[in-house]
Amino acid sequence: MTEKDAAAFLPLHNNWFHILLSLAGAEQHGYGIMQEVLERTNGTVRLWPATLYGSLKRLIADGLIEESDERPVAELDDARRRYYRLTRLGRTVLELECERMQEMVRMVQKKRREEAW
C-alpha cells in the first residue's frame, strides 16, 4: 500500500492509536497491550478485553497488525497467548497519525502566540 492508502485510515480511532503505539517497540500479547496502555496513559485510557480483542481482530483484517509465530522461551510463555506485531502498513499509519497530531499541536501553539487566550 502507498502512503496515500495508509492516509485513508486517518484519523485513527483512539483505541487503535494506543494499540499500534504499544506494538511499535516490540511484539506483545493482548494483556500486555492492555497493561502498557493503562500505564502509559496513567490510567486515563483503559482497553477492556471486549474492546481490545475486537480492535485487534479489525486491525488484523485491515492489515495493520498480524499475529506473530515467534514465542518467548517456554518458561516465560503461556501457550494460550497470541502475540501481535505491526505490519509495514501499520507502522506507516502510526507514523502518519503522529505527524497529523504534531501538526495539530503546532496549530494550537501558533494560535496561542497570535491571540490571547
PDB file of N, CA and C in Angstrom:
ATOM      1  N   MET A   1       0.839  -1.190   0.000  1.00  0.00           N
ATOM      2  CA  MET A   1       0.000   0.000   0.000  1.00  0.00           C
ATOM      3  C   MET A   1       0.877   1.244   0.000  1.00  0.00           C
ATOM      4  N   THR A   2       0.370   2.268  -0.587  1.00  0.00           N
ATOM      5  CA  THR A   2       1.104   3.526  -0.637  1.00  0.00           C
ATOM      6  C   THR A   2       0.783   4.360   0.592  1.00  0.00           C
ATOM      7  N   GLU A   3       1.538   5.446   0.740  1.00  0.00           N
ATOM      8  CA  GLU A   3       1.276   6.360   1.853  1.00  0.00           C
ATOM      9  C   GLU A   3      -0.132   6.944   1.740  1.00  0.00           C
ATOM     10  N   LYS A   4      -0.559   7.160   0.492  1.00  0.00           N
ATOM     11  CA  LYS A   4      -1.909   7.677   0.280  1.00  0.00           C
ATOM     12  C   LYS A   4      -2.952   6.684   0.804  1.00  0.00           C
ATOM     13  N   ASP A   5      -2.751   5.402   0.549  1.00  0.00           N
ATOM     14  CA  ASP A   5      -3.661   4.385   1.059  1.00  0.00           C
ATOM     15  C   ASP A   5      -3.635   4.356   2.587  1.00  0.00           C
ATOM     16  N   ALA A   6      -2.452   4.487   3.158  1.00  0.00           N
ATOM     17  CA  ALA A   6      -2.313   4.496   4.609  1.00  0.00           C
ATOM     18  C   ALA A   6      -3.060   5.678   5.210  1.00  0.00           C
ATOM     19  N   ALA A   7      -3.047   6.806   4.503  1.00  0.00           N
ATOM     20  CA  ALA A   7      -3.723   8.004   4.999  1.00  0.00           C
ATOM     21  C   ALA A   7      -5.232   7.811   5.089  1.00  0.00           C
ATOM     22  N   ALA A   8      -5.767   6.837   4.371  1.00  0.00           N
ATOM     23  CA  ALA A   8      -7.210   6.578   4.422  1.00  0.00           C
ATOM     24  C   ALA A   8      -7.653   6.124   5.805  1.00  0.00           C
ATOM     25  N   PHE A   9      -6.726   5.663   6.637  1.00  0.00           N
ATOM     26  CA  PHE A   9      -7.057   5.217   7.989  1.00  0.00           C
ATOM     27  C   PHE A   9      -7.136   6.376   8.986  1.00  0.00           C
ATOM     28  N   LEU A  10      -6.725   7.577   8.540  1.00  0.00           N
ATOM     29  CA  LEU A  10      -6.659   8.722   9.449  1.00  0.00           C
ATOM     30  C   LEU A  10      -7.962   9.499   9.458  1.00  0.00           C
ATOM     31  N   PRO A  11      -8.306  10.119  10.557  1.00  0.00           N
ATOM     32  CA  PRO A  11      -7.645   9.997  11.853  1.00  0.00           C
ATOM     33  C   PRO A  11      -7.941   8.636  12.476  1.00  0.00           C
ATOM     34  N   LEU A  12      -6.973   8.124  13.192  1.00  0.00           N
ATOM     35  CA  LEU A  12      -7.122   6.825  13.840  1.00  0.00           C
ATOM     36  C   LEU A  12      -8.067   6.922  15.033  1.00  0.00           C
ATOM     37  N   HIS A  13      -8.823   5.888  15.228  1.00  0.00           N
ATOM     38  CA  HIS A  13      -9.617   5.785  16.452  1.00  0.00           C
ATOM     39  C   HIS A  13      -8.642   5.746  17.623  1.00  0.00           C
ATOM     40  N   ASN A  14      -9.000   6.349  18.725  1.00  0.00           N
ATOM     41  CA  ASN A  14      -8.138   6.436  19.899  1.00  0.00           C
ATOM     42  C   ASN A  14      -7.601   5.065  20.330  1.00  0.00           C
ATOM     43  N   ASN A  15      -8.469   4.066  20.391  1.00  0.00           N
ATOM     44  CA  ASN A  15      -8.027   2.739  20.814  1.00  0.00           C
ATOM     45  C   ASN A  15      -7.008   2.159  19.844  1.00  0.00           C
ATOM     46  N   TRP A  16      -7.248   2.352  18.544  1.00  0.00           N
ATOM     47  CA  TRP A  16      -6.316   1.838  17.543  1.00  0.00           C
ATOM     48  C   TRP A  16      -4.962   2.500  17.690  1.00  0.00           C
ATOM     49  N   PHE A  17      -4.970   3.807  17.914  1.00  0.00           N
ATOM     50  CA  PHE A  17      -3.707   4.526  18.099  1.00  0.00           C
ATOM     51  C   PHE A  17      -2.916   3.916  19.247  1.00  0.00           C
ATOM     52  N   HIS A  18      -3.567   3.697  20.368  1.00  0.00           N
ATOM     53  CA  HIS A  18      -2.861   3.166  21.543  1.00  0.00           C
ATOM     54  C   HIS A  18      -2.370   1.744  21.314  1.00  0.00           C
ATOM     55  N   ILE A  19      -3.125   0.946  20.604  1.00  0.00           N
ATOM     56  CA  ILE A  19      -2.693  -0.425  20.306  1.00  0.00           C
ATOM     57  C   ILE A  19      -1.479  -0.395  19.386  1.00  0.00           C
ATOM     58  N   LEU A  20      -1.545   0.382  18.304  1.00  0.00           N
ATOM     59  CA  LEU A  20      -0.407   0.465  17.384  1.00  0.00           C
ATOM     60  C   LEU A  20       0.828   1.005  18.087  1.00  0.00           C
ATOM     61  N   LEU A  21       0.652   2.013  18.926  1.00  0.00           N
ATOM     62  CA  LEU A  21       1.781   2.573  19.661  1.00  0.00           C
ATOM     63  C   LEU A  21       2.401   1.529  20.584  1.00  0.00           C
ATOM     64  N   SER A  22       1.575   0.698  21.206  1.00  0.00           N
ATOM     65  CA  SER A  22       2.092  -0.358  22.083  1.00  0.00           C
ATOM     66  C   SER A  22       2.919  -1.369  21.313  1.00  0.00           C
ATOM     67  N   LEU A  23       2.563  -1.595  20.070  1.00  0.00           N
ATOM     68  CA  LEU A  23       3.272  -2.582  19.258  1.00  0.00           C
ATOM     69  C   LEU A  23       4.474  -1.990  18.519  1.00  0.00           C
ATOM     70  N   ALA A  24       4.661  -0.680  18.600  1.00  0.00           N
ATOM     71  CA  ALA A  24       5.759  -0.033  17.880  1.00  0.00           C
ATOM     72  C   ALA A  24       7.119  -0.489  18.379  1.00  0.00           C
ATOM     73  N   GLY A  25       7.236  -0.791  19.643  1.00  0.00           N
ATOM     74  CA  GLY A  25       8.535  -1.170  20.196  1.00  0.00           C
ATOM     75  C   GLY A  25       8.835  -2.647  20.104  1.00  0.00           C
ATOM     76  N   ALA A  26       7.805  -3.468  20.247  1.00  0.00           N
ATOM     77  CA  ALA A  26       8.023  -4.914  20.271  1.00  0.00           C
ATOM     78  C   ALA A  26       6.687  -5.628  20.146  1.00  0.00           C
ATOM     79  N   GLU A  27       6.764  -6.891  19.837  1.00  0.00           N
ATOM     80  CA  GLU A  27       5.564  -7.717  19.807  1.00  0.00           C
ATOM     81  C   GLU A  27       5.009  -7.829  21.226  1.00  0.00           C
ATOM     82  N   GLN A  28       3.698  -7.942  21.305  1.00  0.00           N
ATOM     83  CA  GLN A  28       3.062  -8.087  22.615  1.00  0.00           C
ATOM     84  C   GLN A  28       1.830  -8.963  22.505  1.00  0.00           C
ATOM     85  N   HIS A  29       1.429  -9.505  23.634  1.00  0.00           N
ATOM     86  CA  HIS A  29       0.161 -10.220  23.705  1.00  0.00           C
ATOM     87  C   HIS A  29      -0.905  -9.254  24.204  1.00  0.00           C
ATOM     88  N   GLY A  30      -2.152  -9.662  24.090  1.00  0.00           N
ATOM     89  CA  GLY A  30      -3.264  -8.770  24.417  1.00  0.00           C
ATOM     90  C   GLY A  30      -3.199  -8.165  25.806  1.00  0.00           C
ATOM     91  N   TYR A  31      -2.961  -8.992  26.819  1.00  0.00           N
ATOM     92  CA  TYR A  31      -2.918  -8.469  28.182  1.00  0.00           C
ATOM     93  C   TYR A  31      -1.775  -7.469  28.336  1.00  0.00           C
ATOM     94  N   GLY A  32      -0.642  -7.740  27.686  1.00  0.00           N
ATOM     95  CA  GLY A  32       0.487  -6.808  27.733  1.00  0.00           C
ATOM     96  C   GLY A  32       0.137  -5.468  27.119  1.00  0.00           C
ATOM     97  N   ILE A  33      -0.619  -5.505  26.018  1.00  0.00           N
ATOM     98  CA  ILE A  33      -1.066  -4.264  25.388  1.00  0.00           C
ATOM     99  C   ILE A  33      -1.961  -3.494  26.347  1.00  0.00           C
ATOM    100  N   MET A  34      -2.925  -4.189  26.964  1.00  0.00           N
ATOM    101  CA  MET A  34      -3.832  -3.521  27.911  1.00  0.00           C
ATOM    102  C   MET A  34      -3.057  -2.860  29.036  1.00  0.00           C
ATOM    103  N   GLN A  35      -2.086  -3.564  29.594  1.00  0.00           N
ATOM    104  CA  GLN A  35      -1.312  -3.037  30.719  1.00  0.00           C
ATOM    105  C   GLN A  35      -0.440  -1.859  30.294  1.00  0.00           C
ATOM    106  N   GLU A  36       0.180  -1.946  29.119  1.00  0.00           N
ATOM    107  CA  GLU A  36       1.030  -0.843  28.677  1.00  0.00           C
ATOM    108  C   GLU A  36       0.217   0.422  28.444  1.00  0.00           C
ATOM    109  N   VAL A  37      -0.937   0.278  27.814  1.00  0.00           N
ATOM    110  CA  VAL A  37      -1.787   1.445  27.553  1.00  0.00           C
ATOM    111  C   VAL A  37      -2.226   2.068  28.879  1.00  0.00           C
ATOM    112  N   LEU A  38      -2.638   1.251  29.808  1.00  0.00           N
ATOM    113  CA  LEU A  38      -3.069   1.743  31.115  1.00  0.00           C
ATOM    114  C   LEU A  38      -1.939   2.497  31.814  1.00  0.00           C
ATOM    115  N   GLU A  39      -0.740   1.924  31.767  1.00  0.00           N
ATOM    116  CA  GLU A  39       0.407   2.556  32.423  1.00  0.00           C
ATOM    117  C   GLU A  39       0.835   3.832  31.700  1.00  0.00           C
ATOM    118  N   ARG A  40       0.932   3.772  30.373  1.00  0.00           N
ATOM    119  CA  ARG A  40       1.398   4.923  29.593  1.00  0.00           C
ATOM    120  C   ARG A  40       0.468   6.115  29.728  1.00  0.00           C
ATOM    121  N   THR A  41      -0.828   5.862  29.905  1.00  0.00           N
ATOM    122  CA  THR A  41      -1.806   6.946  29.985  1.00  0.00           C
ATOM    123  C   THR A  41      -2.176   7.285  31.427  1.00  0.00           C
ATOM    124  N   ASN A  42      -1.429   6.757  32.368  1.00  0.00           N
ATOM    125  CA  ASN A  42      -1.710   6.981  33.792  1.00  0.00           C
ATOM    126  C   ASN A  42      -3.155   6.642  34.142  1.00  0.00           C
ATOM    127  N   GLY A  43      -3.657   5.587  33.521  1.00  0.00           N
ATOM    128  CA  GLY A  43      -4.999   5.104  33.840  1.00  0.00           C
ATOM    129  C   GLY A  43      -6.132   5.828  33.145  1.00  0.00           C
ATOM    130  N   THR A  44      -5.832   6.795  32.287  1.00  0.00           N
ATOM    131  CA  THR A  44      -6.913   7.542  31.631  1.00  0.00           C
ATOM    132  C   THR A  44      -7.507   6.788  30.447  1.00  0.00           C
ATOM    133  N   VAL A  45      -6.750   5.841  29.880  1.00  0.00           N
ATOM    134  CA  VAL A  45      -7.277   5.008  28.798  1.00  0.00           C
ATOM    135  C   VAL A  45      -7.211   3.562  29.259  1.00  0.00           C
ATOM    136  N   ARG A  46      -8.366   2.937  29.289  1.00  0.00           N
ATOM    137  CA  ARG A  46      -8.450   1.532  29.693  1.00  0.00           C
ATOM    138  C   ARG A  46      -9.093   0.761  28.550  1.00  0.00           C
ATOM    139  N   LEU A  47      -8.364  -0.208  28.036  1.00  0.00           N
ATOM    140  CA  LEU A  47      -8.893  -1.064  26.979  1.00  0.00           C
ATOM    141  C   LEU A  47      -9.463  -2.325  27.628  1.00  0.00           C
ATOM    142  N   TRP A  48     -10.761  -2.404  27.671  1.00  0.00           N
ATOM    143  CA  TRP A  48     -11.410  -3.585  28.235  1.00  0.00           C
ATOM    144  C   TRP A  48     -11.239  -4.742  27.262  1.00  0.00           C
ATOM    145  N   PRO A  49     -11.249  -5.973  27.737  1.00  0.00           N
ATOM    146  CA  PRO A  49     -10.994  -7.119  26.852  1.00  0.00           C
ATOM    147  C   PRO A  49     -11.861  -7.149  25.593  1.00  0.00           C
ATOM    148  N   ALA A  50     -13.145  -6.921  25.705  1.00  0.00           N
ATOM    149  CA  ALA A  50     -14.004  -6.971  24.508  1.00  0.00           C
ATOM    150  C   ALA A  50     -13.598  -5.906  23.496  1.00  0.00           C
ATOM    151  N   THR A  51     -13.275  -4.722  23.993  1.00  0.00           N
ATOM    152  CA  THR A  51     -12.844  -3.636  23.114  1.00  0.00           C
ATOM    153  C   THR A  51     -11.493  -3.972  22.483  1.00  0.00           C
ATOM    154  N   LEU A  52     -10.555  -4.435  23.300  1.00  0.00           N
ATOM    155  CA  LEU A  52      -9.223  -4.754  22.808  1.00  0.00           C
ATOM    156  C   LEU A  52      -9.275  -5.839  21.743  1.00  0.00           C
ATOM    157  N   TYR A  53      -9.916  -6.948  22.049  1.00  0.00           N
ATOM    158  CA  TYR A  53      -9.879  -8.069  21.120  1.00  0.00           C
ATOM    159  C   TYR A  53     -10.709  -7.804  19.868  1.00  0.00           C
ATOM    160  N   GLY A  54     -11.751  -7.017  19.969  1.00  0.00           N
ATOM    161  CA  GLY A  54     -12.478  -6.582  18.776  1.00  0.00           C
ATOM    162  C   GLY A  54     -11.617  -5.691  17.902  1.00  0.00           C
ATOM    163  N   SER A  55     -10.871  -4.787  18.546  1.00  0.00           N
ATOM    164  CA  SER A  55      -9.962  -3.897  17.805  1.00  0.00           C
ATOM    165  C   SER A  55      -8.833  -4.693  17.158  1.00  0.00           C
ATOM    166  N   LEU A  56      -8.267  -5.660  17.890  1.00  0.00           N
ATOM    167  CA  LEU A  56      -7.192  -6.471  17.325  1.00  0.00           C
ATOM    168  C   LEU A  56      -7.686  -7.233  16.096  1.00  0.00           C
ATOM    169  N   LYS A  57      -8.878  -7.777  16.182  1.00  0.00           N
ATOM    170  CA  LYS A  57      -9.451  -8.510  15.049  1.00  0.00           C
ATOM    171  C   LYS A  57      -9.590  -7.594  13.834  1.00  0.00           C
ATOM    172  N   ARG A  58     -10.069  -6.392  14.055  1.00  0.00           N
ATOM    173  CA  ARG A  58     -10.254  -5.438  12.957  1.00  0.00           C
ATOM    174  C   ARG A  58      -8.908  -4.959  12.404  1.00  0.00           C
ATOM    175  N   LEU A  59      -7.935  -4.712  13.287  1.00  0.00           N
ATOM    176  CA  LEU A  59      -6.608  -4.285  12.845  1.00  0.00           C
ATOM    177  C   LEU A  59      -5.931  -5.368  12.000  1.00  0.00           C
ATOM    178  N   ILE A  60      -6.149  -6.623  12.355  1.00  0.00           N
ATOM    179  CA  ILE A  60      -5.623  -7.732  11.552  1.00  0.00           C
ATOM    180  C   ILE A  60      -6.316  -7.756  10.193  1.00  0.00           C
ATOM    181  N   ALA A  61      -7.638  -7.652  10.203  1.00  0.00           N
ATOM    182  CA  ALA A  61      -8.400  -7.686   8.947  1.00  0.00           C
ATOM    183  C   ALA A  61      -7.996  -6.550   8.016  1.00  0.00           C
ATOM    184  N   ASP A  62      -7.653  -5.389   8.572  1.00  0.00           N
ATOM    185  CA  ASP A  62      -7.257  -4.234   7.767  1.00  0.00           C
ATOM    186  C   ASP A  62      -5.774  -4.239   7.413  1.00  0.00           C
ATOM    187  N   GLY A  63      -5.033  -5.223   7.916  1.00  0.00           N
ATOM    188  CA  GLY A  63      -3.626  -5.355   7.556  1.00  0.00           C
ATOM    189  C   GLY A  63      -2.674  -4.464   8.319  1.00  0.00           C
ATOM    190  N   LEU A  64      -3.123  -3.903   9.449  1.00  0.00           N
ATOM    191  CA  LEU A  64      -2.251  -3.011  10.222  1.00  0.00           C
ATOM    192  C   LEU A  64      -1.387  -3.773  11.228  1.00  0.00           C
ATOM    193  N   ILE A  65      -1.873  -4.923  11.668  1.00  0.00           N
ATOM    194  CA  ILE A  65      -1.101  -5.788  12.554  1.00  0.00           C
ATOM    195  C   ILE A  65      -1.265  -7.220  12.060  1.00  0.00           C
ATOM    196  N   GLU A  66      -0.437  -8.092  12.621  1.00  0.00           N
ATOM    197  CA  GLU A  66      -0.550  -9.516  12.308  1.00  0.00           C
ATOM    198  C   GLU A  66      -0.157 -10.312  13.540  1.00  0.00           C
ATOM    199  N   GLU A  67      -0.624 -11.556  13.574  1.00  0.00           N
ATOM    200  CA  GLU A  67      -0.191 -12.440  14.646  1.00  0.00           C
ATOM    201  C   GLU A  67       1.224 -12.881  14.370  1.00  0.00           C
ATOM    202  N   SER A  68       1.984 -13.022  15.422  1.00  0.00           N
ATOM    203  CA  SER A  68       3.371 -13.432  15.302  1.00  0.00           C
ATOM    204  C   SER A  68       3.483 -14.923  15.609  1.00  0.00           C
ATOM    205  N   ASP A  69       4.374 -15.594  14.898  1.00  0.00           N
ATOM    206  CA  ASP A  69       4.650 -17.006  15.173  1.00  0.00           C
ATOM    207  C   ASP A  69       5.751 -17.154  16.213  1.00  0.00           C
ATOM    208  N   GLU A  70       6.479 -16.086  16.454  1.00  0.00           N
ATOM    209  CA  GLU A  70       7.580 -16.145  17.419  1.00  0.00           C
ATOM    210  C   GLU A  70       7.023 -16.182  18.832  1.00  0.00           C
ATOM    211  N   ARG A  71       7.674 -16.941  19.690  1.00  0.00           N
ATOM    212  CA  ARG A  71       7.237 -17.091  21.072  1.00  0.00           C
ATOM    213  C   ARG A  71       8.415 -16.868  22.005  1.00  0.00           C
ATOM    214  N   PRO A  72       8.126 -16.384  23.218  1.00  0.00           N
ATOM    215  CA  PRO A  72       9.199 -16.309  24.219  1.00  0.00           C
ATOM    216  C   PRO A  72       9.609 -17.726  24.646  1.00  0.00           C
ATOM    217  N   VAL A  73      10.662 -17.812  25.418  1.00  0.00           N
ATOM    218  CA  VAL A  73      11.065 -19.124  25.929  1.00  0.00           C
ATOM    219  C   VAL A  73       9.915 -19.720  26.718  1.00  0.00           C
ATOM    220  N   ALA A  74       9.817 -21.031  26.718  1.00  0.00           N
ATOM    221  CA  ALA A  74       8.666 -21.734  27.295  1.00  0.00           C
ATOM    222  C   ALA A  74       8.394 -21.353  28.757  1.00  0.00           C
ATOM    223  N   GLU A  75       9.440 -21.118  29.529  1.00  0.00           N
ATOM    224  CA  GLU A  75       9.255 -20.781  30.950  1.00  0.00           C
ATOM    225  C   GLU A  75       8.550 -19.444  31.141  1.00  0.00           C
ATOM    226  N   LEU A  76       8.647 -18.552  30.152  1.00  0.00           N
ATOM    227  CA  LEU A  76       8.057 -17.214  30.248  1.00  0.00           C
ATOM    228  C   LEU A  76       6.767 -17.091  29.437  1.00  0.00           C
ATOM    229  N   ASP A  77       6.341 -18.180  28.824  1.00  0.00           N
ATOM    230  CA  ASP A  77       5.219 -18.120  27.892  1.00  0.00           C
ATOM    231  C   ASP A  77       4.008 -18.859  28.439  1.00  0.00           C
ATOM    232  N   ASP A  78       2.868 -18.460  27.943  1.00  0.00           N
ATOM    233  CA  ASP A  78       1.611 -19.165  28.170  1.00  0.00           C
ATOM    234  C   ASP A  78       1.108 -19.531  26.783  1.00  0.00           C
ATOM    235  N   ALA A  79       0.932 -20.806  26.519  1.00  0.00           N
ATOM    236  CA  ALA A  79       0.584 -21.279  25.175  1.00  0.00           C
ATOM    237  C   ALA A  79      -0.720 -20.681  24.668  1.00  0.00           C
ATOM    238  N   ARG A  80      -1.572 -20.200  25.571  1.00  0.00           N
ATOM    239  CA  ARG A  80      -2.854 -19.621  25.151  1.00  0.00           C
ATOM    240  C   ARG A  80      -2.706 -18.212  24.599  1.00  0.00           C
ATOM    241  N   ARG A  81      -1.601 -17.577  24.882  1.00  0.00           N
ATOM    242  CA  ARG A  81      -1.409 -16.193  24.440  1.00  0.00           C
ATOM    243  C   ARG A  81      -1.144 -16.114  22.948  1.00  0.00           C
ATOM    244  N   ARG A  82      -1.703 -15.064  22.359  1.00  0.00           N
ATOM    245  CA  ARG A  82      -1.400 -14.729  20.973  1.00  0.00           C
ATOM    246  C   ARG A  82      -0.573 -13.454  21.006  1.00  0.00           C
ATOM    247  N   TYR A  83       0.466 -13.446  20.210  1.00  0.00           N
ATOM    248  CA  TYR A  83       1.338 -12.274  20.135  1.00  0.00           C
ATOM    249  C   TYR A  83       1.075 -11.547  18.828  1.00  0.00           C
ATOM    250  N   TYR A  84       1.156 -10.220  18.887  1.00  0.00           N
ATOM    251  CA  TYR A  84       0.846  -9.372  17.741  1.00  0.00           C
ATOM    252  C   TYR A  84       2.025  -8.465  17.437  1.00  0.00           C
ATOM    253  N   ARG A  85       2.134  -8.075  16.161  1.00  0.00           N
ATOM    254  CA  ARG A  85       3.182  -7.141  15.744  1.00  0.00           C
ATOM    255  C   ARG A  85       2.626  -6.247  14.640  1.00  0.00           C
ATOM    256  N   LEU A  86       3.259  -5.081  14.497  1.00  0.00           N
ATOM    257  CA  LEU A  86       2.890  -4.151  13.435  1.00  0.00           C
ATOM    258  C   LEU A  86       3.298  -4.710  12.078  1.00  0.00           C
ATOM    259  N   THR A  87       2.506  -4.436  11.092  1.00  0.00           N
ATOM    260  CA  THR A  87       2.908  -4.681   9.707  1.00  0.00           C
ATOM    261  C   THR A  87       3.563  -3.402   9.191  1.00  0.00           C
ATOM    262  N   ARG A  88       4.109  -3.468   8.003  1.00  0.00           N
ATOM    263  CA  ARG A  88       4.686  -2.268   7.391  1.00  0.00           C
ATOM    264  C   ARG A  88       3.604  -1.188   7.249  1.00  0.00           C
ATOM    265  N   LEU A  89       2.408  -1.612   6.810  1.00  0.00           N
ATOM    266  CA  LEU A  89       1.295  -0.664   6.685  1.00  0.00           C
ATOM    267  C   LEU A  89       0.945  -0.066   8.040  1.00  0.00           C
ATOM    268  N   GLY A  90       0.890  -0.893   9.071  1.00  0.00           N
ATOM    269  CA  GLY A  90       0.569  -0.399  10.413  1.00  0.00           C
ATOM    270  C   GLY A  90       1.570   0.628  10.899  1.00  0.00           C
ATOM    271  N   ARG A  91       2.839   0.386  10.632  1.00  0.00           N
ATOM    272  CA  ARG A  91       3.884   1.340  11.039  1.00  0.00           C
ATOM    273  C   ARG A  91       3.729   2.656  10.281  1.00  0.00           C
ATOM    274  N   THR A  92       3.415   2.572   8.993  1.00  0.00           N
ATOM    275  CA  THR A  92       3.214   3.781   8.191  1.00  0.00           C
ATOM    276  C   THR A  92       2.012   4.568   8.694  1.00  0.00           C
ATOM    277  N   VAL A  93       0.926   3.876   8.988  1.00  0.00           N
ATOM    278  CA  VAL A  93      -0.275   4.537   9.506  1.00  0.00           C
ATOM    279  C   VAL A  93       0.031   5.217  10.838  1.00  0.00           C
ATOM    280  N   LEU A  94       0.745   4.533  11.722  1.00  0.00           N
ATOM    281  CA  LEU A  94       1.101   5.126  13.011  1.00  0.00           C
ATOM    282  C   LEU A  94       1.967   6.364  12.818  1.00  0.00           C
ATOM    283  N   GLU A  95       2.934   6.295  11.926  1.00  0.00           N
ATOM    284  CA  GLU A  95       3.791   7.455  11.669  1.00  0.00           C
ATOM    285  C   GLU A  95       2.982   8.628  11.118  1.00  0.00           C
ATOM    286  N   LEU A  96       2.080   8.356  10.178  1.00  0.00           N
ATOM    287  CA  LEU A  96       1.244   9.420   9.624  1.00  0.00           C
ATOM    288  C   LEU A  96       0.336  10.027  10.688  1.00  0.00           C
ATOM    289  N   GLU A  97      -0.200   9.194  11.554  1.00  0.00           N
ATOM    290  CA  GLU A  97      -1.062   9.704  12.625  1.00  0.00           C
ATOM    291  C   GLU A  97      -0.264  10.579  13.579  1.00  0.00           C
ATOM    292  N   CYS A  98       0.945  10.181  13.912  1.00  0.00           N
ATOM    293  CA  CYS A  98       1.790  11.000  14.795  1.00  0.00           C
ATOM    294  C   CYS A  98       2.104  12.344  14.148  1.00  0.00           C
ATOM    295  N   GLU A  99       2.389  12.331  12.848  1.00  0.00           N
ATOM    296  CA  GLU A  99       2.631  13.591  12.133  1.00  0.00           C
ATOM    297  C   GLU A  99       1.382  14.465  12.140  1.00  0.00           C
ATOM    298  N   ARG A 100       0.227  13.858  11.945  1.00  0.00           N
ATOM    299  CA  ARG A 100      -1.037  14.604  11.959  1.00  0.00           C
ATOM    300  C   ARG A 100      -1.262  15.241  13.329  1.00  0.00           C
ATOM    301  N   MET A 101      -0.998  14.495  14.374  1.00  0.00           N
ATOM    302  CA  MET A 101      -1.189  15.017  15.728  1.00  0.00           C
ATOM    303  C   MET A 101      -0.195  16.133  16.035  1.00  0.00           C
ATOM    304  N   GLN A 102       1.047  15.975  15.581  1.00  0.00           N
ATOM    305  CA  GLN A 102       2.048  17.026  15.787  1.00  0.00           C
ATOM    306  C   GLN A 102       1.636  18.310  15.079  1.00  0.00           C
ATOM    307  N   GLU A 103       1.076  18.181  13.890  1.00  0.00           N
ATOM    308  CA  GLU A 103       0.608  19.362  13.158  1.00  0.00           C
ATOM    309  C   GLU A 103      -0.533  20.042  13.921  1.00  0.00           C
ATOM    310  N   MET A 104      -1.398  19.270  14.524  1.00  0.00           N
ATOM    311  CA  MET A 104      -2.484  19.853  15.315  1.00  0.00           C
ATOM    312  C   MET A 104      -1.927  20.637  16.499  1.00  0.00           C
ATOM    313  N   VAL A 105      -0.914  20.093  17.147  1.00  0.00           N
ATOM    314  CA  VAL A 105      -0.283  20.790  18.272  1.00  0.00           C
ATOM    315  C   VAL A 105       0.367  22.083  17.778  1.00  0.00           C
ATOM    316  N   ARG A 106       1.038  22.033  16.622  1.00  0.00           N
ATOM    317  CA  ARG A 106       1.645  23.257  16.066  1.00  0.00           C
ATOM    318  C   ARG A 106       0.584  24.329  15.802  1.00  0.00           C
ATOM    319  N   MET A 107      -0.576  23.916  15.301  1.00  0.00           N
ATOM    320  CA  MET A 107      -1.652  24.881  15.040  1.00  0.00           C
ATOM    321  C   MET A 107      -2.124  25.541  16.336  1.00  0.00           C
ATOM    322  N   VAL A 108      -2.266  24.752  17.374  1.00  0.00           N
ATOM    323  CA  VAL A 108      -2.700  25.301  18.666  1.00  0.00           C
ATOM    324  C   VAL A 108      -1.651  26.262  19.202  1.00  0.00           C
ATOM    325  N   GLN A 109      -0.391  25.880  19.122  1.00  0.00           N
ATOM    326  CA  GLN A 109       0.674  26.748  19.612  1.00  0.00           C
ATOM    327  C   GLN A 109       0.721  28.057  18.838  1.00  0.00           C
ATOM    328  N   LYS A 110       0.557  27.991  17.531  1.00  0.00           N
ATOM    329  CA  LYS A 110       0.540  29.196  16.713  1.00  0.00           C
ATOM    330  C   LYS A 110      -0.630  30.090  17.106  1.00  0.00           C
ATOM    331  N   LYS A 111      -1.770  29.499  17.288  1.00  0.00           N
ATOM    332  CA  LYS A 111      -2.961  30.252  17.671  1.00  0.00           C
ATOM    333  C   LYS A 111      -2.744  30.929  19.020  1.00  0.00           C
ATOM    334  N   ARG A 112      -2.129  30.231  19.941  1.00  0.00           N
ATOM    335  CA  ARG A 112      -1.865  30.817  21.252  1.00  0.00           C
ATOM    336  C   ARG A 112      -0.922  32.001  21.158  1.00  0.00           C
ATOM    337  N   ARG A 113       0.082  31.916  20.290  1.00  0.00           N
ATOM    338  CA  ARG A 113       1.019  33.028  20.137  1.00  0.00           C
ATOM    339  C   ARG A 113       0.350  34.245  19.492  1.00  0.00           C
ATOM    340  N   GLU A 114      -0.563  33.992  18.574  1.00  0.00           N
ATOM    341  CA  GLU A 114      -1.214  35.072  17.840  1.00  0.00           C
ATOM    342  C   GLU A 114      -2.316  35.761  18.638  1.00  0.00           C
ATOM    343  N   GLU A 115      -2.957  35.033  19.497  1.00  0.00           N
ATOM    344  CA  GLU A 115      -4.099  35.586  20.229  1.00  0.00           C
ATOM    345  C   GLU A 115      -3.962  35.303  21.725  1.00  0.00           C
ATOM    346  N   ALA A 116      -4.495  36.192  22.498  1.00  0.00           N
ATOM    347  CA  ALA A 116      -4.510  35.957  23.943  1.00  0.00           C
ATOM    348  C   ALA A 116      -5.690  35.028  24.252  1.00  0.00           C
ATOM    349  N   TRP A 117      -5.394  33.967  24.918  1.00  0.00           N
ATOM    350  CA  TRP A 117      -6.456  33.013  25.287  1.00  0.00           C
ATOM    351  C   TRP A 117      -7.083  33.430  26.575  1.00  0.00           C
TER     352      TRP A 117
END
